[in-house]
Every structure is written in structure tokens, then in C-alpha cells.
Amino acid sequence: MPRDAIDNHAFLAQGKLTMPVLAIGGDKSYEESLATEIKFVATDVTPLLIPDPGHWLMEEQPAETVAAIEQYIEKKQVVFHAAMESLSATAVDTSAQ
């Protein structure tokens, strides 16, 4: 078995990635198949399809690709901040008792 395969099996034995992962594909190339592949190693995968480009998203659709990444990050930040506020409120309620 090739060394990469051995390393990948050892990595997967530790469990899947739990961090958010954005899987971007162009509709003329990878489409959403990248997200399917990444789901083998990650639990929180968001597929994103950019219309018109092939394999080279940043060269073929740079504005659309950057905008999509920014929207994804903003959405994740909102979710993160809401979770942190909820945790903070819980901590305050617990300490008041």
C-alpha cells in the first residue's frame, strides 16, 4: 500500500474533521462532487457551485468566488457569535445561582 494511503487511513481512524469546510466547485468541472468527496473526511461540509467556470474558479470567476467565500465566512461568524452569546448567557445564569 502506498505511504499516502497508509497515512490517510491513520488520519481517518482519529475521526472526521469537525470544523466547517466550504467545498467550492465550478458547474463546468467539479460541480458538487468535491463536497461528496470531502464528506468522507469532514462532518460539516457546505457545497457551493459557482456558475460558468471550469476548473480554475479564481481565474475564470474571481468576483463571484470571492463573494461566495465572504458570504460563507459571514454566515459562519454569525452562527459562531450566536453560540458564544448563548454560552455566555448560560454561564451568567449558572453563576447567579
Protein backbone atom coordinates (compact mmCIF):
# COMPACT_ATOMS: atom_id res chain seq x y z
CA MET A 1 0.00 0.00 0.00
CA PRO A 2 1.40 3.48 -0.87
CA ARG A 3 2.58 5.62 2.04
CA ASP A 4 -0.13 8.27 1.38
CA ALA A 5 -2.83 5.63 1.71
CA ILE A 6 -1.34 4.40 4.99
CA ASP A 7 -1.18 7.95 6.33
CA ASN A 8 -4.75 8.68 5.21
CA HIS A 9 -6.09 5.55 6.92
CA ALA A 10 -4.32 6.52 10.14
CA PHE A 11 -5.71 10.05 9.91
CA LEU A 12 -9.28 8.83 9.34
CA ALA A 13 -9.01 6.43 12.26
CA GLN A 14 -8.81 9.50 14.52
CA GLY A 15 -12.24 10.65 13.31
CA LYS A 16 -13.52 13.15 10.80
CA LEU A 17 -12.75 16.86 10.83
CA THR A 18 -15.42 18.76 12.75
CA MET A 19 -14.52 22.27 11.59
CA PRO A 20 -16.62 23.93 8.88
CA VAL A 21 -15.42 23.17 5.36
CA LEU A 22 -16.52 25.00 2.21
CA ALA A 23 -16.34 22.80 -0.91
CA ILE A 24 -16.42 25.02 -3.99
CA GLY A 25 -16.82 23.64 -7.49
CA GLY A 26 -17.43 25.10 -10.93
CA ASP A 27 -20.51 23.94 -12.78
CA LYS A 28 -18.46 23.06 -15.88
CA SER A 29 -15.92 20.95 -13.98
CA TYR A 30 -16.07 19.58 -10.45
CA GLU A 31 -19.65 20.62 -9.75
CA GLU A 32 -20.71 19.44 -6.26
CA SER A 33 -18.68 16.22 -6.38
CA LEU A 34 -15.93 17.84 -4.31
CA ALA A 35 -18.37 18.14 -1.39
CA THR A 36 -19.22 14.45 -1.73
CA GLU A 37 -15.54 13.55 -1.55
CA ILE A 38 -14.82 15.85 1.40
CA LYS A 39 -17.71 14.34 3.38
CA PHE A 40 -15.58 11.21 3.70
CA VAL A 41 -13.21 13.17 5.98
CA ALA A 42 -15.32 16.03 7.41
CA THR A 43 -18.70 16.29 9.16
CA ASP A 44 -19.60 19.96 8.49
CA VAL A 45 -19.32 20.34 4.70
CA THR A 46 -21.09 23.07 2.74
CA PRO A 47 -21.18 22.54 -1.03
CA LEU A 48 -21.07 25.62 -3.25
CA LEU A 49 -21.45 25.69 -7.01
CA ILE A 50 -20.10 28.69 -8.93
CA PRO A 51 -21.88 29.10 -12.29
CA ASP A 52 -19.88 29.08 -15.54
CA PRO A 53 -16.26 28.31 -14.63
CA GLY A 54 -14.42 25.10 -15.21
CA HIS A 55 -11.53 24.05 -13.01
CA TRP A 56 -9.92 27.47 -12.42
CA LEU A 57 -12.52 29.30 -10.31
CA MET A 58 -10.35 32.25 -9.28
CA GLU A 59 -9.14 32.86 -12.83
CA GLU A 60 -12.50 32.40 -14.53
CA GLN A 61 -14.94 33.85 -11.94
CA PRO A 62 -12.86 35.73 -9.34
CA ALA A 63 -15.51 38.19 -8.15
CA GLU A 64 -18.18 35.50 -7.77
CA THR A 65 -15.78 33.16 -5.98
CA VAL A 66 -14.57 35.80 -3.52
CA ALA A 67 -18.14 36.96 -2.86
CA ALA A 68 -19.23 33.38 -2.16
CA ILE A 69 -16.35 32.81 0.26
CA GLU A 70 -17.07 36.09 2.05
CA GLN A 71 -20.76 35.19 2.41
CA TYR A 72 -19.84 31.77 3.80
CA ILE A 73 -17.46 33.31 6.36
CA GLU A 74 -20.01 35.96 7.38
CA LYS A 75 -22.68 33.28 7.87
CA LYS A 76 -20.32 31.14 9.96
CA GLN A 77 -19.33 34.18 12.04
CA VAL A 78 -23.00 34.95 12.80
CA VAL A 79 -23.56 31.35 13.90
CA PHE A 80 -20.36 31.42 15.98
CA HIS A 81 -21.24 34.69 17.71
CA ALA A 82 -24.78 33.49 18.46
CA ALA A 83 -23.36 30.32 20.00
CA MET A 84 -20.87 32.31 22.08
CA GLU A 85 -23.63 34.64 23.32
CA SER A 86 -25.71 31.63 24.28
CA LEU A 87 -22.79 30.12 26.19
CA SER A 88 -22.11 33.43 27.92
CA ALA A 89 -25.76 33.76 28.95
CA THR A 90 -25.72 30.21 30.31
CA ALA A 91 -22.55 30.95 32.29
CA VAL A 92 -24.12 34.08 33.76
CA ASP A 93 -27.30 32.22 34.70
CA THR A 94 -25.31 29.44 36.32
CA SER A 95 -23.12 31.82 38.32
CA ALA A 96 -26.16 33.74 39.60
CA GLN A 97 -27.49 30.63 41.35
